[in-house]
Amino acid sequence: MPVNSPEVSSKAVLIAGPTASGKSALALELAQKTGGVIVNADSMQVYRDLRVITARPTPQEEAAVPHRLYGHVDAAVNFSAGAWEADAGKVLAEAWAQNRLPIFVGGSGLYFKALTRGLSAVPPIPPEIRESVRARLERDGVEALHAELAGRDPASAERLKPRDRTRIARALEVVEATGRSLPDWHREGLPPLLPPGQFNALFLAPDRDELYARIDVRFSAMLESGALEEITRLAARRLDPLLPAMKAHGVPALIRHIRGEITLDEATVIGRADTRHYAKRQFTWFRHQLPEFEWVKLEEAGGWISTVIPGRDRSKRAPNP
C-alpha cells in the first residue's frame, strides 16, 4: 500500500551503483516497505528483447511491486536519454498522484543526470538523416566521418576519439538535422525533473573484488537462464550494430559466437571482461559527475533504507574519495 505521508507527493529515492551491485534487491526491499513504485534507470533494461542478458527483474519481482519503464522499447529503436526523461516525467507524476514513493534504480549515469541536472535540448533527429549518416559510416569509414565532423563541428571533433563510431555519427546527425553543433545545444539545457531537496540519492559501492566475482558468476547464470537463446533471436533480426541494444554487455561477443567466429568460452570471457570494465567506469563517472549521491557499502544498505522512508530526515555524508 502507498505510504500515507505528504512528503511522497514531492520526494523520490534514487538508487544507483555498478552492475551486479545489488541495486534491484535494495529497491525491491524499499518498495515493499513503503508501497513505492520502482522506476528503471538502466539504459539497456528498457529493451524488451534483452530481459536475460541485462538481468532485468524477474516476472515474480515485477509482480510483487509496481515496476515501470522495463522492457517497453523495441531493440530496433535508438532510444535516447531525452526519450527516457520524457517517459520518467510521466511516471513520476503518476506515482505522486497515487501517493506512491518513486524509486529510481539503475546504473546509467546519464539517466540520473537527466533527473537531477537536466539535459540538453537537442530535438529528435529525423530517421532519414540518421540513416544517411549511418550509410556513409559503413561506406566511407569512421575516419572519413571524423574528418567531415572536424570541418562542420570542430569542437566536437576535437573531444571525440577518431574511431568513436557512435558519438561521431551522433554529432554529425545533430549538425545535419539542426544546423547547430552539439556544444551549442548543450548550452541550452532542459530543467531537471528532481531539483535539489526533492530526492535522496545513494550509490551502492561494494568491494571491487567482490563485485567482479559477482559479475563473473552472474554472467554464467544468465547463460544458464537462456541468454544465448535470447541473443540468437536478437541476431536473427539483423539490426544495425550501432543501435544501443546491439552493444549491451555480452551481446556483441555472443553474436560473434552465434556466427561461428569464436567459442562460447571465448564469448564468456569477453562478456565478463566488458562488464567488469563498465563497472569500473561507473564508479569513476558517478564520483566525478554526481557527487551529491551518498556512497554506501553493501553491508550498510539496509540501514540506509530505514532512513529514507518519507517523514524521516537524514544528514548527508560526503562521497567516498
C-alpha atoms as a PDB file:
ATOM      1  CA  MET A   1       0.000   0.000   0.000  1.00  0.00           C
ATOM      2  CA  PRO A   2       1.221   3.582  -0.646  1.00  0.00           C
ATOM      3  CA  VAL A   3       2.804   5.448   2.239  1.00  0.00           C
ATOM      4  CA  ASN A   4       0.352   7.844   3.888  1.00  0.00           C
ATOM      5  CA  SER A   5       2.696  10.840   4.004  1.00  0.00           C
ATOM      6  CA  PRO A   6       2.505  14.296   2.403  1.00  0.00           C
ATOM      7  CA  GLU A   7       6.207  14.062   1.556  1.00  0.00           C
ATOM      8  CA  VAL A   8       5.540  11.334  -1.011  1.00  0.00           C
ATOM      9  CA  SER A   9       3.937  13.905  -3.307  1.00  0.00           C
ATOM     10  CA  SER A  10       7.245  15.721  -3.748  1.00  0.00           C
ATOM     11  CA  LYS A  11      10.028  13.228  -2.983  1.00  0.00           C
ATOM     12  CA  ALA A  12      11.867  10.431  -4.750  1.00  0.00           C
ATOM     13  CA  VAL A  13      14.609   7.942  -3.951  1.00  0.00           C
ATOM     14  CA  LEU A  14      17.475   7.302  -6.362  1.00  0.00           C
ATOM     15  CA  ILE A  15      19.460   4.059  -6.084  1.00  0.00           C
ATOM     16  CA  ALA A  16      22.468   3.896  -8.380  1.00  0.00           C
ATOM     17  CA  GLY A  17      25.547   1.705  -8.493  1.00  0.00           C
ATOM     18  CA  PRO A  18      27.671  -0.501 -10.715  1.00  0.00           C
ATOM     19  CA  THR A  19      26.209  -3.519 -12.450  1.00  0.00           C
ATOM     20  CA  ALA A  20      25.657  -6.565 -10.211  1.00  0.00           C
ATOM     21  CA  SER A  21      25.951  -4.497  -7.027  1.00  0.00           C
ATOM     22  CA  GLY A  22      22.550  -5.473  -5.615  1.00  0.00           C
ATOM     23  CA  LYS A  23      20.583  -2.350  -6.588  1.00  0.00           C
ATOM     24  CA  SER A  24      17.435  -4.155  -7.696  1.00  0.00           C
ATOM     25  CA  ALA A  25      17.152  -6.160  -4.466  1.00  0.00           C
ATOM     26  CA  LEU A  26      17.611  -2.989  -2.423  1.00  0.00           C
ATOM     27  CA  ALA A  27      14.954  -1.150  -4.438  1.00  0.00           C
ATOM     28  CA  LEU A  28      12.552  -4.065  -4.040  1.00  0.00           C
ATOM     29  CA  GLU A  29      13.044  -4.052  -0.268  1.00  0.00           C
ATOM     30  CA  LEU A  30      12.361  -0.309  -0.075  1.00  0.00           C
ATOM     31  CA  ALA A  31       9.325  -0.548  -2.364  1.00  0.00           C
ATOM     32  CA  GLN A  32       7.830  -3.324  -0.249  1.00  0.00           C
ATOM     33  CA  LYS A  33       8.320  -1.296   2.937  1.00  0.00           C
ATOM     34  CA  THR A  34       6.834   1.908   1.520  1.00  0.00           C
ATOM     35  CA  GLY A  35       4.347   0.774  -1.105  1.00  0.00           C
ATOM     36  CA  GLY A  36       6.541   2.530  -3.630  1.00  0.00           C
ATOM     37  CA  VAL A  37       6.927   2.114  -7.376  1.00  0.00           C
ATOM     38  CA  ILE A  38      10.258   1.043  -8.903  1.00  0.00           C
ATOM     39  CA  VAL A  39      11.300   3.008 -11.987  1.00  0.00           C
ATOM     40  CA  ASN A  40      14.022   1.686 -14.284  1.00  0.00           C
ATOM     41  CA  ALA A  41      17.065   3.921 -14.787  1.00  0.00           C
ATOM     42  CA  ASP A  42      19.152   1.457 -16.781  1.00  0.00           C
ATOM     43  CA  SER A  43      19.577   2.232 -20.462  1.00  0.00           C
ATOM     44  CA  MET A  44      19.683  -1.446 -21.515  1.00  0.00           C
ATOM     45  CA  GLN A  45      16.839  -2.745 -19.354  1.00  0.00           C
ATOM     46  CA  VAL A  46      14.404  -0.579 -21.337  1.00  0.00           C
ATOM     47  CA  TYR A  47      14.655  -3.051 -24.245  1.00  0.00           C
ATOM     48  CA  ARG A  48      12.091  -5.846 -24.310  1.00  0.00           C
ATOM     49  CA  ASP A  49      14.491  -8.058 -26.326  1.00  0.00           C
ATOM     50  CA  LEU A  50      17.085  -8.058 -23.517  1.00  0.00           C
ATOM     51  CA  ARG A  51      15.479  -9.438 -20.368  1.00  0.00           C
ATOM     52  CA  VAL A  52      18.028 -12.142 -19.504  1.00  0.00           C
ATOM     53  CA  ILE A  53      21.304 -10.598 -20.676  1.00  0.00           C
ATOM     54  CA  THR A  54      20.594  -7.350 -18.795  1.00  0.00           C
ATOM     55  CA  ALA A  55      19.447  -9.121 -15.589  1.00  0.00           C
ATOM     56  CA  ARG A  56      16.087  -7.366 -15.582  1.00  0.00           C
ATOM     57  CA  PRO A  57      13.832  -8.031 -12.577  1.00  0.00           C
ATOM     58  CA  THR A  58      12.101 -11.391 -12.867  1.00  0.00           C
ATOM     59  CA  PRO A  59       8.373 -11.617 -13.616  1.00  0.00           C
ATOM     60  CA  GLN A  60       7.861 -12.614  -9.971  1.00  0.00           C
ATOM     61  CA  GLU A  61       9.703  -9.500  -8.744  1.00  0.00           C
ATOM     62  CA  GLU A  62       7.771  -7.295 -11.154  1.00  0.00           C
ATOM     63  CA  ALA A  63       4.520  -8.768  -9.825  1.00  0.00           C
ATOM     64  CA  ALA A  64       5.483  -8.098  -6.193  1.00  0.00           C
ATOM     65  CA  VAL A  65       5.516  -4.290  -6.524  1.00  0.00           C
ATOM     66  CA  PRO A  66       4.808  -1.902  -9.417  1.00  0.00           C
ATOM     67  CA  HIS A  67       7.689  -1.642 -11.920  1.00  0.00           C
ATOM     68  CA  ARG A  68       7.841   0.987 -14.665  1.00  0.00           C
ATOM     69  CA  LEU A  69       9.948   1.554 -17.814  1.00  0.00           C
ATOM     70  CA  TYR A  70      11.243  -2.020 -18.041  1.00  0.00           C
ATOM     71  CA  GLY A  71      11.190  -3.705 -21.445  1.00  0.00           C
ATOM     72  CA  HIS A  72       8.951  -1.075 -23.011  1.00  0.00           C
ATOM     73  CA  VAL A  73      11.189  -0.293 -26.039  1.00  0.00           C
ATOM     74  CA  ASP A  74      11.911  -2.431 -29.114  1.00  0.00           C
ATOM     75  CA  ALA A  75      15.579  -3.179 -29.853  1.00  0.00           C
ATOM     76  CA  ALA A  76      15.243  -1.526 -33.265  1.00  0.00           C
ATOM     77  CA  VAL A  77      14.693   1.863 -31.587  1.00  0.00           C
ATOM     78  CA  ASN A  78      17.613   4.204 -30.961  1.00  0.00           C
ATOM     79  CA  PHE A  79      16.285   5.125 -27.530  1.00  0.00           C
ATOM     80  CA  SER A  80      17.848   8.236 -26.003  1.00  0.00           C
ATOM     81  CA  ALA A  81      18.267   9.729 -22.550  1.00  0.00           C
ATOM     82  CA  GLY A  82      15.913  12.502 -23.627  1.00  0.00           C
ATOM     83  CA  ALA A  83      13.207   9.996 -24.535  1.00  0.00           C
ATOM     84  CA  TRP A  84      13.709   8.248 -21.209  1.00  0.00           C
ATOM     85  CA  GLU A  85      13.477  11.554 -19.343  1.00  0.00           C
ATOM     86  CA  ALA A  86      10.120  12.271 -21.012  1.00  0.00           C
ATOM     87  CA  ASP A  87       8.824   8.822 -20.006  1.00  0.00           C
ATOM     88  CA  ALA A  88      10.240   9.204 -16.487  1.00  0.00           C
ATOM     89  CA  GLY A  89       8.455  12.527 -16.055  1.00  0.00           C
ATOM     90  CA  LYS A  90       5.116  10.878 -16.752  1.00  0.00           C
ATOM     91  CA  VAL A  91       5.839   8.016 -14.342  1.00  0.00           C
ATOM     92  CA  LEU A  92       6.971  10.463 -11.667  1.00  0.00           C
ATOM     93  CA  ALA A  93       3.748  12.456 -11.927  1.00  0.00           C
ATOM     94  CA  GLU A  94       1.687   9.257 -11.861  1.00  0.00           C
ATOM     95  CA  ALA A  95       3.462   7.956  -8.746  1.00  0.00           C
ATOM     96  CA  TRP A  96       3.000  11.207  -6.852  1.00  0.00           C
ATOM     97  CA  ALA A  97      -0.675  11.401  -7.884  1.00  0.00           C
ATOM     98  CA  GLN A  98      -1.138   7.908  -6.368  1.00  0.00           C
ATOM     99  CA  ASN A  99       0.792   8.929  -3.231  1.00  0.00           C
ATOM    100  CA  ARG A 100       3.460   6.318  -4.028  1.00  0.00           C
ATOM    101  CA  LEU A 101       7.172   6.831  -3.436  1.00  0.00           C
ATOM    102  CA  PRO A 102       9.031   6.715  -6.802  1.00  0.00           C
ATOM    103  CA  ILE A 103      12.239   4.679  -6.506  1.00  0.00           C
ATOM    104  CA  PHE A 104      14.568   5.108  -9.470  1.00  0.00           C
ATOM    105  CA  VAL A 105      17.107   2.304  -9.763  1.00  0.00           C
ATOM    106  CA  GLY A 106      19.828   1.611 -12.309  1.00  0.00           C
ATOM    107  CA  GLY A 107      23.383   2.205 -13.363  1.00  0.00           C
ATOM    108  CA  SER A 108      23.057   4.665 -16.248  1.00  0.00           C
ATOM    109  CA  GLY A 109      24.686   7.859 -15.064  1.00  0.00           C
ATOM    110  CA  LEU A 110      23.208   9.972 -17.838  1.00  0.00           C
ATOM    111  CA  TYR A 111      19.686   8.990 -16.814  1.00  0.00           C
ATOM    112  CA  PHE A 112      20.313  10.092 -13.233  1.00  0.00           C
ATOM    113  CA  LYS A 113      21.943  13.257 -14.503  1.00  0.00           C
ATOM    114  CA  ALA A 114      18.813  13.967 -16.543  1.00  0.00           C
ATOM    115  CA  LEU A 115      16.724  13.553 -13.396  1.00  0.00           C
ATOM    116  CA  THR A 116      18.819  15.809 -11.175  1.00  0.00           C
ATOM    117  CA  ARG A 117      20.579  18.197 -13.572  1.00  0.00           C
ATOM    118  CA  GLY A 118      18.509  18.195 -16.764  1.00  0.00           C
ATOM    119  CA  LEU A 119      19.639  17.509 -20.335  1.00  0.00           C
ATOM    120  CA  SER A 120      20.451  19.486 -23.433  1.00  0.00           C
ATOM    121  CA  ALA A 121      17.515  20.447 -25.627  1.00  0.00           C
ATOM    122  CA  VAL A 122      18.576  18.590 -28.809  1.00  0.00           C
ATOM    123  CA  PRO A 123      15.447  17.938 -30.912  1.00  0.00           C
ATOM    124  CA  PRO A 124      14.680  14.471 -32.319  1.00  0.00           C
ATOM    125  CA  ILE A 125      16.763  13.517 -35.365  1.00  0.00           C
ATOM    126  CA  PRO A 126      14.684  12.668 -38.474  1.00  0.00           C
ATOM    127  CA  PRO A 127      15.075   8.987 -39.407  1.00  0.00           C
ATOM    128  CA  GLU A 128      16.209   9.798 -42.955  1.00  0.00           C
ATOM    129  CA  ILE A 129      19.145  11.856 -41.662  1.00  0.00           C
ATOM    130  CA  ARG A 130      20.161   9.144 -39.205  1.00  0.00           C
ATOM    131  CA  GLU A 131      20.002   6.508 -41.945  1.00  0.00           C
ATOM    132  CA  SER A 132      22.051   8.689 -44.300  1.00  0.00           C
ATOM    133  CA  VAL A 133      24.811   9.214 -41.741  1.00  0.00           C
ATOM    134  CA  ARG A 134      24.905   5.511 -40.848  1.00  0.00           C
ATOM    135  CA  ALA A 135      25.104   4.547 -44.516  1.00  0.00           C
ATOM    136  CA  ARG A 136      28.066   6.892 -45.048  1.00  0.00           C
ATOM    137  CA  LEU A 137      29.704   5.477 -41.941  1.00  0.00           C
ATOM    138  CA  GLU A 138      29.535   1.957 -43.369  1.00  0.00           C
ATOM    139  CA  ARG A 139      30.563   3.062 -46.867  1.00  0.00           C
ATOM    140  CA  ASP A 140      33.338   5.544 -46.101  1.00  0.00           C
ATOM    141  CA  GLY A 141      34.539   4.503 -42.652  1.00  0.00           C
ATOM    142  CA  VAL A 142      34.709   6.289 -39.331  1.00  0.00           C
ATOM    143  CA  GLU A 143      37.888   8.239 -40.171  1.00  0.00           C
ATOM    144  CA  ALA A 144      36.162   9.942 -43.108  1.00  0.00           C
ATOM    145  CA  LEU A 145      33.207  10.953 -40.944  1.00  0.00           C
ATOM    146  CA  HIS A 146      35.516  12.260 -38.231  1.00  0.00           C
ATOM    147  CA  ALA A 147      37.268  14.418 -40.845  1.00  0.00           C
ATOM    148  CA  GLU A 148      33.879  15.705 -42.020  1.00  0.00           C
ATOM    149  CA  LEU A 149      32.893  16.464 -38.441  1.00  0.00           C
ATOM    150  CA  ALA A 150      36.133  18.415 -37.934  1.00  0.00           C
ATOM    151  CA  GLY A 151      35.046  20.768 -40.693  1.00  0.00           C
ATOM    152  CA  ARG A 152      31.461  21.193 -39.506  1.00  0.00           C
ATOM    153  CA  ASP A 153      31.771  20.929 -35.703  1.00  0.00           C
ATOM    154  CA  PRO A 154      35.447  21.329 -34.737  1.00  0.00           C
ATOM    155  CA  ALA A 155      34.739  21.414 -31.005  1.00  0.00           C
ATOM    156  CA  SER A 156      33.019  18.017 -31.035  1.00  0.00           C
ATOM    157  CA  ALA A 157      35.616  16.501 -33.365  1.00  0.00           C
ATOM    158  CA  GLU A 158      38.422  17.594 -31.072  1.00  0.00           C
ATOM    159  CA  ARG A 159      36.939  16.000 -27.962  1.00  0.00           C
ATOM    160  CA  LEU A 160      35.948  12.719 -29.655  1.00  0.00           C
ATOM    161  CA  LYS A 161      38.320   9.860 -30.374  1.00  0.00           C
ATOM    162  CA  PRO A 162      38.752   9.409 -34.156  1.00  0.00           C
ATOM    163  CA  ARG A 163      37.349   5.863 -34.008  1.00  0.00           C
ATOM    164  CA  ASP A 164      34.349   6.534 -31.733  1.00  0.00           C
ATOM    165  CA  ARG A 165      31.767   5.484 -34.313  1.00  0.00           C
ATOM    166  CA  THR A 166      28.658   6.071 -32.238  1.00  0.00           C
ATOM    167  CA  ARG A 167      29.458   9.556 -30.941  1.00  0.00           C
ATOM    168  CA  ILE A 168      30.890  10.790 -34.245  1.00  0.00           C
ATOM    169  CA  ALA A 169      27.734   9.669 -36.046  1.00  0.00           C
ATOM    170  CA  ARG A 170      25.571  11.333 -33.378  1.00  0.00           C
ATOM    171  CA  ALA A 171      27.435  14.653 -33.667  1.00  0.00           C
ATOM    172  CA  LEU A 172      27.067  14.663 -37.447  1.00  0.00           C
ATOM    173  CA  GLU A 173      23.374  13.812 -37.206  1.00  0.00           C
ATOM    174  CA  VAL A 174      22.774  16.803 -34.958  1.00  0.00           C
ATOM    175  CA  VAL A 175      24.651  19.196 -37.266  1.00  0.00           C
ATOM    176  CA  GLU A 176      22.804  17.945 -40.338  1.00  0.00           C
ATOM    177  CA  ALA A 177      19.382  17.971 -38.677  1.00  0.00           C
ATOM    178  CA  THR A 178      19.630  21.309 -36.873  1.00  0.00           C
ATOM    179  CA  GLY A 179      22.433  23.315 -38.449  1.00  0.00           C
ATOM    180  CA  ARG A 180      23.914  23.694 -34.947  1.00  0.00           C
ATOM    181  CA  SER A 181      26.642  21.827 -33.118  1.00  0.00           C
ATOM    182  CA  LEU A 182      26.154  19.630 -30.051  1.00  0.00           C
ATOM    183  CA  PRO A 183      28.033  22.086 -27.784  1.00  0.00           C
ATOM    184  CA  ASP A 184      25.573  24.805 -28.856  1.00  0.00           C
ATOM    185  CA  TRP A 185      22.621  22.627 -27.840  1.00  0.00           C
ATOM    186  CA  HIS A 186      24.277  21.601 -24.578  1.00  0.00           C
ATOM    187  CA  ARG A 187      24.336  25.233 -23.525  1.00  0.00           C
ATOM    188  CA  GLU A 188      20.527  25.317 -23.713  1.00  0.00           C
ATOM    189  CA  GLY A 189      19.649  22.733 -21.105  1.00  0.00           C
ATOM    190  CA  LEU A 190      16.231  21.456 -20.056  1.00  0.00           C
ATOM    191  CA  PRO A 191      15.357  21.758 -16.336  1.00  0.00           C
ATOM    192  CA  PRO A 192      15.767  18.690 -14.074  1.00  0.00           C
ATOM    193  CA  LEU A 193      12.770  16.601 -13.089  1.00  0.00           C
ATOM    194  CA  LEU A 194      14.039  16.457  -9.494  1.00  0.00           C
ATOM    195  CA  PRO A 195      15.661  19.675  -8.238  1.00  0.00           C
ATOM    196  CA  PRO A 196      17.884  19.600  -5.124  1.00  0.00           C
ATOM    197  CA  GLY A 197      15.908  18.828  -1.968  1.00  0.00           C
ATOM    198  CA  GLN A 198      13.381  16.573  -3.722  1.00  0.00           C
ATOM    199  CA  PHE A 199      15.334  13.337  -3.556  1.00  0.00           C
ATOM    200  CA  ASN A 200      17.567  11.065  -1.522  1.00  0.00           C
ATOM    201  CA  ALA A 201      20.327   9.538  -3.642  1.00  0.00           C
ATOM    202  CA  LEU A 202      22.506   6.516  -2.953  1.00  0.00           C
ATOM    203  CA  PHE A 203      25.390   4.989  -4.881  1.00  0.00           C
ATOM    204  CA  LEU A 204      25.790   1.361  -3.845  1.00  0.00           C
ATOM    205  CA  ALA A 205      29.556   0.748  -3.659  1.00  0.00           C
ATOM    206  CA  PRO A 206      30.514  -2.851  -2.903  1.00  0.00           C
ATOM    207  CA  ASP A 207      34.103  -4.033  -2.572  1.00  0.00           C
ATOM    208  CA  ARG A 208      35.659  -4.157  -6.056  1.00  0.00           C
ATOM    209  CA  ASP A 209      36.957  -7.730  -5.874  1.00  0.00           C
ATOM    210  CA  GLU A 210      33.644  -8.952  -4.519  1.00  0.00           C
ATOM    211  CA  LEU A 211      31.795  -7.082  -7.258  1.00  0.00           C
ATOM    212  CA  TYR A 212      33.944  -8.524 -10.039  1.00  0.00           C
ATOM    213  CA  ALA A 213      33.380 -12.028  -8.680  1.00  0.00           C
ATOM    214  CA  ARG A 214      29.629 -11.394  -8.648  1.00  0.00           C
ATOM    215  CA  ILE A 215      29.779 -10.173 -12.256  1.00  0.00           C
ATOM    216  CA  ASP A 216      31.521 -13.381 -13.374  1.00  0.00           C
ATOM    217  CA  VAL A 217      29.049 -15.610 -11.535  1.00  0.00           C
ATOM    218  CA  ARG A 218      26.069 -13.677 -12.834  1.00  0.00           C
ATOM    219  CA  PHE A 219      27.216 -13.876 -16.456  1.00  0.00           C
ATOM    220  CA  SER A 220      27.368 -17.666 -16.196  1.00  0.00           C
ATOM    221  CA  ALA A 221      23.949 -17.687 -14.527  1.00  0.00           C
ATOM    222  CA  MET A 222      22.492 -15.619 -17.359  1.00  0.00           C
ATOM    223  CA  LEU A 223      23.789 -18.126 -19.904  1.00  0.00           C
ATOM    224  CA  GLU A 224      22.181 -20.947 -17.929  1.00  0.00           C
ATOM    225  CA  SER A 225      18.916 -18.967 -17.852  1.00  0.00           C
ATOM    226  CA  GLY A 226      18.639 -18.556 -21.616  1.00  0.00           C
ATOM    227  CA  ALA A 227      20.804 -15.570 -22.552  1.00  0.00           C
ATOM    228  CA  LEU A 228      22.271 -17.333 -25.584  1.00  0.00           C
ATOM    229  CA  GLU A 229      18.819 -18.214 -26.913  1.00  0.00           C
ATOM    230  CA  GLU A 230      17.719 -14.622 -26.297  1.00  0.00           C
ATOM    231  CA  ILE A 231      20.642 -13.206 -28.276  1.00  0.00           C
ATOM    232  CA  THR A 232      20.115 -15.778 -31.037  1.00  0.00           C
ATOM    233  CA  ARG A 233      16.617 -14.352 -31.545  1.00  0.00           C
ATOM    234  CA  LEU A 234      18.029 -10.819 -31.497  1.00  0.00           C
ATOM    235  CA  ALA A 235      20.769 -11.661 -34.021  1.00  0.00           C
ATOM    236  CA  ALA A 236      18.160 -13.137 -36.377  1.00  0.00           C
ATOM    237  CA  ARG A 237      16.619  -9.665 -36.681  1.00  0.00           C
ATOM    238  CA  ARG A 238      19.822  -8.359 -38.368  1.00  0.00           C
ATOM    239  CA  LEU A 239      19.551  -4.936 -36.759  1.00  0.00           C
ATOM    240  CA  ASP A 240      22.041  -2.083 -37.165  1.00  0.00           C
ATOM    241  CA  PRO A 241      25.049  -2.989 -34.962  1.00  0.00           C
ATOM    242  CA  LEU A 242      25.291   0.664 -33.905  1.00  0.00           C
ATOM    243  CA  LEU A 243      21.923   0.532 -32.161  1.00  0.00           C
ATOM    244  CA  PRO A 244      22.252   0.737 -28.357  1.00  0.00           C
ATOM    245  CA  ALA A 245      20.601  -2.649 -27.777  1.00  0.00           C
ATOM    246  CA  MET A 246      23.151  -4.329 -30.028  1.00  0.00           C
ATOM    247  CA  LYS A 247      26.001  -3.058 -27.863  1.00  0.00           C
ATOM    248  CA  ALA A 248      24.710  -4.244 -24.471  1.00  0.00           C
ATOM    249  CA  HIS A 249      27.402  -6.002 -22.482  1.00  0.00           C
ATOM    250  CA  GLY A 250      27.763  -9.564 -23.684  1.00  0.00           C
ATOM    251  CA  VAL A 251      25.658  -9.088 -26.810  1.00  0.00           C
ATOM    252  CA  PRO A 252      28.436  -8.444 -29.401  1.00  0.00           C
ATOM    253  CA  ALA A 253      30.547 -11.352 -28.130  1.00  0.00           C
ATOM    254  CA  LEU A 254      27.607 -13.760 -28.073  1.00  0.00           C
ATOM    255  CA  ILE A 255      26.611 -12.717 -31.595  1.00  0.00           C
ATOM    256  CA  ARG A 256      30.164 -13.488 -32.727  1.00  0.00           C
ATOM    257  CA  HIS A 257      29.775 -16.925 -31.161  1.00  0.00           C
ATOM    258  CA  ILE A 258      26.425 -17.468 -32.856  1.00  0.00           C
ATOM    259  CA  ARG A 259      28.088 -16.638 -36.185  1.00  0.00           C
ATOM    260  CA  GLY A 260      30.788 -19.229 -35.525  1.00  0.00           C
ATOM    261  CA  GLU A 261      33.600 -16.703 -35.120  1.00  0.00           C
ATOM    262  CA  ILE A 262      34.512 -17.588 -31.512  1.00  0.00           C
ATOM    263  CA  THR A 263      33.694 -20.300 -28.990  1.00  0.00           C
ATOM    264  CA  LEU A 264      31.150 -19.864 -26.208  1.00  0.00           C
ATOM    265  CA  ASP A 265      34.002 -19.905 -23.672  1.00  0.00           C
ATOM    266  CA  GLU A 266      35.720 -17.074 -25.542  1.00  0.00           C
ATOM    267  CA  ALA A 267      32.479 -15.106 -25.724  1.00  0.00           C
ATOM    268  CA  THR A 268      32.011 -15.606 -21.975  1.00  0.00           C
ATOM    269  CA  VAL A 269      35.499 -14.301 -21.214  1.00  0.00           C
ATOM    270  CA  ILE A 270      34.866 -11.212 -23.369  1.00  0.00           C
ATOM    271  CA  GLY A 271      31.419 -10.596 -21.904  1.00  0.00           C
ATOM    272  CA  ARG A 272      32.679 -10.831 -18.346  1.00  0.00           C
ATOM    273  CA  ALA A 273      35.644  -8.545 -19.053  1.00  0.00           C
ATOM    274  CA  ASP A 274      33.475  -5.938 -20.807  1.00  0.00           C
ATOM    275  CA  THR A 275      31.077  -5.919 -17.863  1.00  0.00           C
ATOM    276  CA  ARG A 276      33.887  -5.513 -15.327  1.00  0.00           C
ATOM    277  CA  HIS A 277      35.345  -2.619 -17.320  1.00  0.00           C
ATOM    278  CA  TYR A 278      31.917  -0.986 -17.439  1.00  0.00           C
ATOM    279  CA  ALA A 279      31.539  -1.322 -13.671  1.00  0.00           C
ATOM    280  CA  LYS A 280      34.892   0.410 -13.202  1.00  0.00           C
ATOM    281  CA  ARG A 281      33.734   3.267 -15.431  1.00  0.00           C
ATOM    282  CA  GLN A 282      30.506   3.556 -13.418  1.00  0.00           C
ATOM    283  CA  PHE A 283      32.481   4.117 -10.205  1.00  0.00           C
ATOM    284  CA  THR A 284      34.518   6.856 -11.881  1.00  0.00           C
ATOM    285  CA  TRP A 285      31.579   8.536 -13.609  1.00  0.00           C
ATOM    286  CA  PHE A 286      29.376   8.863 -10.545  1.00  0.00           C
ATOM    287  CA  ARG A 287      32.261  10.034  -8.365  1.00  0.00           C
ATOM    288  CA  HIS A 288      33.029  12.937 -10.706  1.00  0.00           C
ATOM    289  CA  GLN A 289      29.672  13.715 -12.323  1.00  0.00           C
ATOM    290  CA  LEU A 290      27.165  13.251  -9.485  1.00  0.00           C
ATOM    291  CA  PRO A 291      28.904  13.952  -6.150  1.00  0.00           C
ATOM    292  CA  GLU A 292      25.538  14.526  -4.447  1.00  0.00           C
ATOM    293  CA  PHE A 293      24.984  10.757  -4.365  1.00  0.00           C
ATOM    294  CA  GLU A 294      25.827   9.245  -0.990  1.00  0.00           C
ATOM    295  CA  TRP A 295      28.199   6.280  -1.308  1.00  0.00           C
ATOM    296  CA  VAL A 296      27.123   3.323   0.830  1.00  0.00           C
ATOM    297  CA  LYS A 297      28.766  -0.061   1.257  1.00  0.00           C
ATOM    298  CA  LEU A 298      26.637  -3.092   0.501  1.00  0.00           C
ATOM    299  CA  GLU A 299      26.514  -4.128   4.167  1.00  0.00           C
ATOM    300  CA  GLU A 300      25.270  -0.621   5.141  1.00  0.00           C
ATOM    301  CA  ALA A 301      22.457  -0.510   2.596  1.00  0.00           C
ATOM    302  CA  GLY A 302      19.783  -1.937   4.872  1.00  0.00           C
ATOM    303  CA  GLY A 303      20.363   0.810   7.417  1.00  0.00           C
ATOM    304  CA  TRP A 304      20.211   3.440   4.689  1.00  0.00           C
ATOM    305  CA  ILE A 305      16.772   2.200   3.633  1.00  0.00           C
ATOM    306  CA  SER A 306      15.283   2.875   7.060  1.00  0.00           C
ATOM    307  CA  THR A 307      16.417   6.492   6.918  1.00  0.00           C
ATOM    308  CA  VAL A 308      14.829   7.426   3.574  1.00  0.00           C
ATOM    309  CA  ILE A 309      11.254   6.380   4.284  1.00  0.00           C
ATOM    310  CA  PRO A 310       9.147   9.574   3.930  1.00  0.00           C
ATOM    311  CA  GLY A 311       8.820  11.560   7.132  1.00  0.00           C
ATOM    312  CA  ARG A 312      12.397  10.969   8.295  1.00  0.00           C
ATOM    313  CA  ASP A 313      15.342  13.301   7.756  1.00  0.00           C
ATOM    314  CA  ARG A 314      18.982  12.383   7.440  1.00  0.00           C
ATOM    315  CA  SER A 315      22.280  14.218   7.250  1.00  0.00           C
ATOM    316  CA  LYS A 316      24.421  13.623   4.213  1.00  0.00           C
ATOM    317  CA  ARG A 317      27.862  12.108   4.328  1.00  0.00           C
ATOM    318  CA  ALA A 318      30.482  13.131   1.775  1.00  0.00           C
ATOM    319  CA  PRO A 319      31.046  10.702  -1.109  1.00  0.00           C
ATOM    320  CA  ASN A 320      33.965   8.321  -0.884  1.00  0.00           C
ATOM    321  CA  PRO A 321      37.186   9.874  -2.176  1.00  0.00           C
END
